[in-house]
Amino acid sequence: MPKLQELSDSDGVPGAVVAKTLAARLREQLADDIVRGALAPGVSLEEAELAKRFDVSRTPVREAIRLLVASGLVEARPHRSAVVARATESQLAGMFEALRELECLCAGFSAERMTAPEKTELKRAHAALLRVVRAGDPQRYHELNEQFHAVIYAGCHNDYLERLTLETRARIAPFSRAQFRTLGRLARSHAEHEAIVKAIIDGKADRAAAAMKAHIGYVHDAYSTYRAG
């Protein structure tokens, strides 16, 4: 497994930011290993071993494990190493159901409340995703997809709803990220986004919410297909 290149304070990046960045990258790597079965349920995640494997300190490893626990991919055990879990179908269904409803609210409110500059930013984010579809890069698509949805959350102009939706999306990110590896998923995802963007730009709240509801449903279906394969 490739090691992660560790940043240092000498790079001009604050230590707290370095740890957070490394933790996010570690979380993605470990989440990938868990979702595709390279790390089986019940396997212990030893901080010292992972720090050595990825050539990092134990601080980002500890934070990455905490993030994985929040996603349900890992189980924390008092005074013992965390272990790999496997989210049940009912747990995943519940997470996707919650995300779907939150995203619907955000899309509907954004259709009513987005400012002209925010709509321009939404169109820019949508166009950037199309370029990645053509390049066929699932990882980059995932990264820009998070930004695309964040623009919609911000556009709802409800700070509490925005934060709650971001937190829910973060918990489900390892699963939604995996579905981009299914054949043709990037193009389909972008087409689903097209309907959402058009409804928001046109100020059609009901249509935006319905398009978002369908989109999150397709994301869940795509992940189920990936998991079954």
C-alpha atoms as a PDB file:
ATOM      1  CA  MET A   1       0.000   0.000   0.000  1.00  0.00           C
ATOM      2  CA  PRO A   2       1.449   3.405  -0.960  1.00  0.00           C
ATOM      3  CA  LYS A   3       2.449   5.563   1.956  1.00  0.00           C
ATOM      4  CA  LEU A   4       0.913   8.968   2.470  1.00  0.00           C
ATOM      5  CA  GLN A   5       3.345  11.836   2.164  1.00  0.00           C
ATOM      6  CA  GLU A   6       3.376  13.690   5.471  1.00  0.00           C
ATOM      7  CA  LEU A   7       3.377  17.466   5.489  1.00  0.00           C
ATOM      8  CA  SER A   8       5.292  19.413   8.087  1.00  0.00           C
ATOM      9  CA  ASP A   9       5.098  22.836   9.685  1.00  0.00           C
ATOM     10  CA  SER A  10       8.104  23.819   7.588  1.00  0.00           C
ATOM     11  CA  ASP A  11       5.840  23.683   4.532  1.00  0.00           C
ATOM     12  CA  GLY A  12       4.078  26.756   5.872  1.00  0.00           C
ATOM     13  CA  VAL A  13       0.983  24.807   6.905  1.00  0.00           C
ATOM     14  CA  PRO A  14      -0.162  24.997  10.550  1.00  0.00           C
ATOM     15  CA  GLY A  15       0.218  21.758  12.487  1.00  0.00           C
ATOM     16  CA  ALA A  16      -3.501  21.435  13.178  1.00  0.00           C
ATOM     17  CA  VAL A  17      -4.271  21.771   9.472  1.00  0.00           C
ATOM     18  CA  VAL A  18      -1.580  19.207   8.621  1.00  0.00           C
ATOM     19  CA  ALA A  19      -3.087  16.671  11.028  1.00  0.00           C
ATOM     20  CA  LYS A  20      -6.594  17.303   9.702  1.00  0.00           C
ATOM     21  CA  THR A  21      -5.480  16.923   6.081  1.00  0.00           C
ATOM     22  CA  LEU A  22      -3.629  13.692   6.785  1.00  0.00           C
ATOM     23  CA  ALA A  23      -6.549  12.356   8.793  1.00  0.00           C
ATOM     24  CA  ALA A  24      -8.913  12.981   5.883  1.00  0.00           C
ATOM     25  CA  ARG A  25      -6.581  11.209   3.461  1.00  0.00           C
ATOM     26  CA  LEU A  26      -6.089   8.313   5.840  1.00  0.00           C
ATOM     27  CA  ARG A  27      -9.809   8.038   6.341  1.00  0.00           C
ATOM     28  CA  GLU A  28     -10.360   7.794   2.588  1.00  0.00           C
ATOM     29  CA  GLN A  29      -7.672   5.135   2.181  1.00  0.00           C
ATOM     30  CA  LEU A  30      -8.922   3.018   5.082  1.00  0.00           C
ATOM     31  CA  ALA A  31     -12.552   3.481   4.050  1.00  0.00           C
ATOM     32  CA  ASP A  32     -11.673   2.210   0.570  1.00  0.00           C
ATOM     33  CA  ASP A  33      -9.946  -0.823   2.060  1.00  0.00           C
ATOM     34  CA  ILE A  34     -12.956  -1.577   4.251  1.00  0.00           C
ATOM     35  CA  VAL A  35     -15.636  -1.023   1.603  1.00  0.00           C
ATOM     36  CA  ARG A  36     -13.872  -3.272  -0.937  1.00  0.00           C
ATOM     37  CA  GLY A  37     -13.108  -5.959   1.645  1.00  0.00           C
ATOM     38  CA  ALA A  38      -9.332  -5.586   1.940  1.00  0.00           C
ATOM     39  CA  LEU A  39      -9.854  -4.943   5.654  1.00  0.00           C
ATOM     40  CA  ALA A  40     -12.315  -7.565   6.855  1.00  0.00           C
ATOM     41  CA  PRO A  41     -14.894  -7.124   9.649  1.00  0.00           C
ATOM     42  CA  GLY A  42     -13.323  -7.772  13.039  1.00  0.00           C
ATOM     43  CA  VAL A  43      -9.812  -6.707  12.051  1.00  0.00           C
ATOM     44  CA  SER A  44      -8.161  -4.530  14.707  1.00  0.00           C
ATOM     45  CA  LEU A  45      -6.922  -1.103  13.686  1.00  0.00           C
ATOM     46  CA  GLU A  46      -3.735  -0.653  15.680  1.00  0.00           C
ATOM     47  CA  GLU A  47      -2.673   2.995  15.737  1.00  0.00           C
ATOM     48  CA  ALA A  48       1.066   2.255  15.903  1.00  0.00           C
ATOM     49  CA  GLU A  49       0.856  -0.244  13.059  1.00  0.00           C
ATOM     50  CA  LEU A  50      -1.126   2.114  10.828  1.00  0.00           C
ATOM     51  CA  ALA A  51       1.194   5.017  11.613  1.00  0.00           C
ATOM     52  CA  LYS A  52       4.145   2.887  10.504  1.00  0.00           C
ATOM     53  CA  ARG A  53       2.341   1.613   7.409  1.00  0.00           C
ATOM     54  CA  PHE A  54       1.493   5.093   6.169  1.00  0.00           C
ATOM     55  CA  ASP A  55       4.618   6.774   7.531  1.00  0.00           C
ATOM     56  CA  VAL A  56       2.727   9.327   9.617  1.00  0.00           C
ATOM     57  CA  SER A  57       2.405  10.143  13.303  1.00  0.00           C
ATOM     58  CA  ARG A  58      -0.297   8.585  15.452  1.00  0.00           C
ATOM     59  CA  THR A  59      -2.285  11.837  15.706  1.00  0.00           C
ATOM     60  CA  PRO A  60      -3.828  11.754  12.190  1.00  0.00           C
ATOM     61  CA  VAL A  61      -4.329   7.985  12.530  1.00  0.00           C
ATOM     62  CA  ARG A  62      -6.344   8.501  15.713  1.00  0.00           C
ATOM     63  CA  GLU A  63      -8.448  11.208  14.058  1.00  0.00           C
ATOM     64  CA  ALA A  64      -9.014   9.064  10.943  1.00  0.00           C
ATOM     65  CA  ILE A  65     -10.272   6.206  13.106  1.00  0.00           C
ATOM     66  CA  ARG A  66     -12.612   8.603  14.917  1.00  0.00           C
ATOM     67  CA  LEU A  67     -14.049   9.702  11.571  1.00  0.00           C
ATOM     68  CA  LEU A  68     -14.491   6.080  10.495  1.00  0.00           C
ATOM     69  CA  VAL A  69     -16.342   5.325  13.724  1.00  0.00           C
ATOM     70  CA  ALA A  70     -18.714   8.210  12.932  1.00  0.00           C
ATOM     71  CA  SER A  71     -19.389   6.650   9.518  1.00  0.00           C
ATOM     72  CA  GLY A  72     -20.167   3.258  11.037  1.00  0.00           C
ATOM     73  CA  LEU A  73     -17.270   1.573   9.262  1.00  0.00           C
ATOM     74  CA  VAL A  74     -15.353   1.034  12.485  1.00  0.00           C
ATOM     75  CA  GLU A  75     -16.416   0.117  16.022  1.00  0.00           C
ATOM     76  CA  ALA A  76     -14.750   1.829  18.969  1.00  0.00           C
ATOM     77  CA  ARG A  77     -13.900  -0.326  22.004  1.00  0.00           C
ATOM     78  CA  PRO A  78     -13.075   1.189  25.418  1.00  0.00           C
ATOM     79  CA  HIS A  79      -9.381   0.785  26.284  1.00  0.00           C
ATOM     80  CA  ARG A  80      -8.806  -1.402  23.218  1.00  0.00           C
ATOM     81  CA  SER A  81      -8.088  -0.916  19.539  1.00  0.00           C
ATOM     82  CA  ALA A  82     -11.019  -0.125  17.269  1.00  0.00           C
ATOM     83  CA  VAL A  83     -12.146  -2.883  14.923  1.00  0.00           C
ATOM     84  CA  VAL A  84     -13.550  -2.932  11.411  1.00  0.00           C
ATOM     85  CA  ALA A  85     -17.342  -3.133  11.371  1.00  0.00           C
ATOM     86  CA  ARG A  86     -19.730  -3.678   8.511  1.00  0.00           C
ATOM     87  CA  ALA A  87     -22.783  -1.484   8.324  1.00  0.00           C
ATOM     88  CA  THR A  88     -25.967  -3.497   7.969  1.00  0.00           C
ATOM     89  CA  GLU A  89     -28.378  -2.908   5.108  1.00  0.00           C
ATOM     90  CA  SER A  90     -30.877  -1.347   7.520  1.00  0.00           C
ATOM     91  CA  GLN A  91     -28.245   1.020   8.927  1.00  0.00           C
ATOM     92  CA  LEU A  92     -27.216   2.124   5.452  1.00  0.00           C
ATOM     93  CA  ALA A  93     -30.825   2.532   4.375  1.00  0.00           C
ATOM     94  CA  GLY A  94     -31.448   4.750   7.381  1.00  0.00           C
ATOM     95  CA  MET A  95     -28.415   6.898   6.650  1.00  0.00           C
ATOM     96  CA  PHE A  96     -29.358   7.355   3.001  1.00  0.00           C
ATOM     97  CA  GLU A  97     -32.968   8.063   3.948  1.00  0.00           C
ATOM     98  CA  ALA A  98     -31.902  10.830   6.339  1.00  0.00           C
ATOM     99  CA  LEU A  99     -29.508  12.319   3.784  1.00  0.00           C
ATOM    100  CA  ARG A 100     -32.190  12.240   1.090  1.00  0.00           C
ATOM    101  CA  GLU A 101     -34.664  14.220   3.170  1.00  0.00           C
ATOM    102  CA  LEU A 102     -32.069  16.768   4.279  1.00  0.00           C
ATOM    103  CA  GLU A 103     -30.823  17.250   0.717  1.00  0.00           C
ATOM    104  CA  CYS A 104     -34.409  17.699  -0.511  1.00  0.00           C
ATOM    105  CA  LEU A 105     -34.933  20.508   1.998  1.00  0.00           C
ATOM    106  CA  CYS A 106     -31.685  22.174   0.961  1.00  0.00           C
ATOM    107  CA  ALA A 107     -32.528  21.973  -2.736  1.00  0.00           C
ATOM    108  CA  GLY A 108     -36.021  23.344  -2.236  1.00  0.00           C
ATOM    109  CA  PHE A 109     -34.886  26.244  -0.083  1.00  0.00           C
ATOM    110  CA  SER A 110     -32.010  26.983  -2.467  1.00  0.00           C
ATOM    111  CA  ALA A 111     -34.458  27.288  -5.343  1.00  0.00           C
ATOM    112  CA  GLU A 112     -36.270  29.952  -3.337  1.00  0.00           C
ATOM    113  CA  ARG A 113     -33.320  31.716  -1.703  1.00  0.00           C
ATOM    114  CA  MET A 114     -30.159  31.462  -3.814  1.00  0.00           C
ATOM    115  CA  THR A 115     -28.653  34.775  -4.830  1.00  0.00           C
ATOM    116  CA  ALA A 116     -27.479  35.461  -8.373  1.00  0.00           C
ATOM    117  CA  PRO A 117     -23.777  35.003  -7.440  1.00  0.00           C
ATOM    118  CA  GLU A 118     -24.605  31.708  -5.719  1.00  0.00           C
ATOM    119  CA  LYS A 119     -26.426  30.473  -8.813  1.00  0.00           C
ATOM    120  CA  THR A 120     -23.364  31.382 -10.867  1.00  0.00           C
ATOM    121  CA  GLU A 121     -21.202  29.358  -8.457  1.00  0.00           C
ATOM    122  CA  LEU A 122     -23.591  26.405  -8.748  1.00  0.00           C
ATOM    123  CA  LYS A 123     -23.354  26.468 -12.546  1.00  0.00           C
ATOM    124  CA  ARG A 124     -19.564  26.701 -12.288  1.00  0.00           C
ATOM    125  CA  ALA A 125     -19.415  23.673  -9.980  1.00  0.00           C
ATOM    126  CA  HIS A 126     -21.686  21.730 -12.322  1.00  0.00           C
ATOM    127  CA  ALA A 127     -19.509  22.552 -15.332  1.00  0.00           C
ATOM    128  CA  ALA A 128     -16.358  21.491 -13.473  1.00  0.00           C
ATOM    129  CA  LEU A 129     -17.922  18.086 -12.814  1.00  0.00           C
ATOM    130  CA  LEU A 130     -18.638  17.618 -16.518  1.00  0.00           C
ATOM    131  CA  ARG A 131     -14.945  18.031 -17.308  1.00  0.00           C
ATOM    132  CA  VAL A 132     -14.137  15.303 -14.793  1.00  0.00           C
ATOM    133  CA  VAL A 133     -16.792  13.015 -16.279  1.00  0.00           C
ATOM    134  CA  ARG A 134     -15.035  13.312 -19.618  1.00  0.00           C
ATOM    135  CA  ALA A 135     -11.700  12.544 -17.941  1.00  0.00           C
ATOM    136  CA  GLY A 136     -13.202   9.504 -16.204  1.00  0.00           C
ATOM    137  CA  ASP A 137     -11.700  10.240 -12.772  1.00  0.00           C
ATOM    138  CA  PRO A 138     -13.950   8.874  -9.946  1.00  0.00           C
ATOM    139  CA  GLN A 139     -11.806  10.264  -7.128  1.00  0.00           C
ATOM    140  CA  ARG A 140     -11.735  13.794  -8.533  1.00  0.00           C
ATOM    141  CA  TYR A 141     -15.448  13.559  -9.280  1.00  0.00           C
ATOM    142  CA  HIS A 142     -16.098  12.666  -5.644  1.00  0.00           C
ATOM    143  CA  GLU A 143     -14.103  15.679  -4.454  1.00  0.00           C
ATOM    144  CA  LEU A 144     -15.884  18.125  -6.753  1.00  0.00           C
ATOM    145  CA  ASN A 145     -19.227  16.478  -6.048  1.00  0.00           C
ATOM    146  CA  GLU A 146     -18.812  17.322  -2.370  1.00  0.00           C
ATOM    147  CA  GLN A 147     -18.233  20.950  -3.373  1.00  0.00           C
ATOM    148  CA  PHE A 148     -21.250  20.918  -5.690  1.00  0.00           C
ATOM    149  CA  HIS A 149     -23.570  19.761  -2.926  1.00  0.00           C
ATOM    150  CA  ALA A 150     -22.004  22.191  -0.441  1.00  0.00           C
ATOM    151  CA  VAL A 151     -22.944  25.073  -2.743  1.00  0.00           C
ATOM    152  CA  ILE A 152     -26.562  23.924  -2.579  1.00  0.00           C
ATOM    153  CA  TYR A 153     -26.449  23.620   1.214  1.00  0.00           C
ATOM    154  CA  ALA A 154     -25.067  27.150   1.537  1.00  0.00           C
ATOM    155  CA  GLY A 155     -27.692  28.420  -0.870  1.00  0.00           C
ATOM    156  CA  CYS A 156     -30.532  27.328   1.401  1.00  0.00           C
ATOM    157  CA  HIS A 157     -29.528  30.130   3.820  1.00  0.00           C
ATOM    158  CA  ASN A 158     -30.305  28.058   6.893  1.00  0.00           C
ATOM    159  CA  ASP A 159     -27.140  27.613   8.925  1.00  0.00           C
ATOM    160  CA  TYR A 160     -28.518  24.814  11.090  1.00  0.00           C
ATOM    161  CA  LEU A 161     -29.813  22.807   8.132  1.00  0.00           C
ATOM    162  CA  GLU A 162     -26.554  23.380   6.253  1.00  0.00           C
ATOM    163  CA  ARG A 163     -24.458  22.069   9.151  1.00  0.00           C
ATOM    164  CA  LEU A 164     -26.724  19.076   9.771  1.00  0.00           C
ATOM    165  CA  THR A 165     -26.646  18.087   6.102  1.00  0.00           C
ATOM    166  CA  LEU A 166     -22.866  18.469   5.877  1.00  0.00           C
ATOM    167  CA  GLU A 167     -22.433  16.264   8.952  1.00  0.00           C
ATOM    168  CA  THR A 168     -24.759  13.603   7.555  1.00  0.00           C
ATOM    169  CA  ARG A 169     -23.020  13.644   4.181  1.00  0.00           C
ATOM    170  CA  ALA A 170     -19.649  13.286   5.907  1.00  0.00           C
ATOM    171  CA  ARG A 171     -20.859  10.161   7.718  1.00  0.00           C
ATOM    172  CA  ILE A 172     -22.066   8.550   4.522  1.00  0.00           C
ATOM    173  CA  ALA A 173     -19.158   9.734   2.321  1.00  0.00           C
ATOM    174  CA  PRO A 174     -17.263   6.397   2.212  1.00  0.00           C
ATOM    175  CA  PHE A 175     -20.344   4.694   0.784  1.00  0.00           C
ATOM    176  CA  SER A 176     -21.383   7.408  -1.653  1.00  0.00           C
ATOM    177  CA  ARG A 177     -17.776   7.690  -2.816  1.00  0.00           C
ATOM    178  CA  ALA A 178     -17.589   3.984  -3.628  1.00  0.00           C
ATOM    179  CA  GLN A 179     -20.570   4.092  -5.996  1.00  0.00           C
ATOM    180  CA  PHE A 180     -18.699   6.297  -8.445  1.00  0.00           C
ATOM    181  CA  ARG A 181     -16.715   3.207  -9.469  1.00  0.00           C
ATOM    182  CA  THR A 182     -19.758   1.531 -11.040  1.00  0.00           C
ATOM    183  CA  LEU A 183     -19.790   1.580 -14.829  1.00  0.00           C
ATOM    184  CA  GLY A 184     -21.281   4.753 -16.286  1.00  0.00           C
ATOM    185  CA  ARG A 185     -22.087   6.244 -12.884  1.00  0.00           C
ATOM    186  CA  LEU A 186     -20.225   9.528 -13.381  1.00  0.00           C
ATOM    187  CA  ALA A 187     -22.236  10.444 -16.478  1.00  0.00           C
ATOM    188  CA  ARG A 188     -25.518   9.436 -14.852  1.00  0.00           C
ATOM    189  CA  SER A 189     -24.718  11.409 -11.721  1.00  0.00           C
ATOM    190  CA  HIS A 190     -23.991  14.501 -13.773  1.00  0.00           C
ATOM    191  CA  ALA A 191     -27.270  14.106 -15.673  1.00  0.00           C
ATOM    192  CA  GLU A 192     -29.116  13.884 -12.349  1.00  0.00           C
ATOM    193  CA  HIS A 193     -27.348  17.058 -11.225  1.00  0.00           C
ATOM    194  CA  GLU A 194     -28.484  18.784 -14.423  1.00  0.00           C
ATOM    195  CA  ALA A 195     -32.137  18.422 -13.394  1.00  0.00           C
ATOM    196  CA  ILE A 196     -31.357  19.762  -9.910  1.00  0.00           C
ATOM    197  CA  VAL A 197     -29.413  22.750 -11.226  1.00  0.00           C
ATOM    198  CA  LYS A 198     -32.075  23.705 -13.755  1.00  0.00           C
ATOM    199  CA  ALA A 199     -34.824  23.587 -11.123  1.00  0.00           C
ATOM    200  CA  ILE A 200     -32.833  25.720  -8.691  1.00  0.00           C
ATOM    201  CA  ILE A 201     -31.866  28.269 -11.346  1.00  0.00           C
ATOM    202  CA  ASP A 202     -35.522  28.482 -12.437  1.00  0.00           C
ATOM    203  CA  GLY A 203     -36.647  28.964  -8.832  1.00  0.00           C
ATOM    204  CA  LYS A 204     -38.823  25.827  -8.832  1.00  0.00           C
ATOM    205  CA  ALA A 205     -38.654  24.560  -5.245  1.00  0.00           C
ATOM    206  CA  ASP A 206     -40.876  21.484  -5.626  1.00  0.00           C
ATOM    207  CA  ARG A 207     -39.080  20.409  -8.783  1.00  0.00           C
ATOM    208  CA  ALA A 208     -35.665  20.913  -7.187  1.00  0.00           C
ATOM    209  CA  ALA A 209     -36.621  18.848  -4.147  1.00  0.00           C
ATOM    210  CA  ALA A 210     -38.037  16.065  -6.321  1.00  0.00           C
ATOM    211  CA  ALA A 211     -34.927  15.989  -8.514  1.00  0.00           C
ATOM    212  CA  MET A 212     -32.697  15.812  -5.446  1.00  0.00           C
ATOM    213  CA  LYS A 213     -34.810  13.053  -3.915  1.00  0.00           C
ATOM    214  CA  ALA A 214     -34.460  10.989  -7.068  1.00  0.00           C
ATOM    215  CA  HIS A 215     -30.722  11.688  -7.200  1.00  0.00           C
ATOM    216  CA  ILE A 216     -30.005  10.460  -3.665  1.00  0.00           C
ATOM    217  CA  GLY A 217     -32.135   7.400  -4.362  1.00  0.00           C
ATOM    218  CA  TYR A 218     -29.975   6.624  -7.396  1.00  0.00           C
ATOM    219  CA  VAL A 219     -26.831   7.105  -5.279  1.00  0.00           C
ATOM    220  CA  HIS A 220     -28.085   4.510  -2.803  1.00  0.00           C
ATOM    221  CA  ASP A 221     -28.979   2.116  -5.617  1.00  0.00           C
ATOM    222  CA  ALA A 222     -25.558   2.570  -7.224  1.00  0.00           C
ATOM    223  CA  TYR A 223     -23.799   1.846  -3.946  1.00  0.00           C
ATOM    224  CA  SER A 224     -25.920  -1.280  -3.438  1.00  0.00           C
ATOM    225  CA  THR A 225     -24.860  -2.439  -6.903  1.00  0.00           C
ATOM    226  CA  TYR A 226     -21.211  -1.747  -6.105  1.00  0.00           C
ATOM    227  CA  ARG A 227     -21.448  -3.590  -2.790  1.00  0.00           C
ATOM    228  CA  ALA A 228     -23.160  -6.611  -4.337  1.00  0.00           C
ATOM    229  CA  GLY A 229     -20.491  -6.858  -7.026  1.00  0.00           C
END
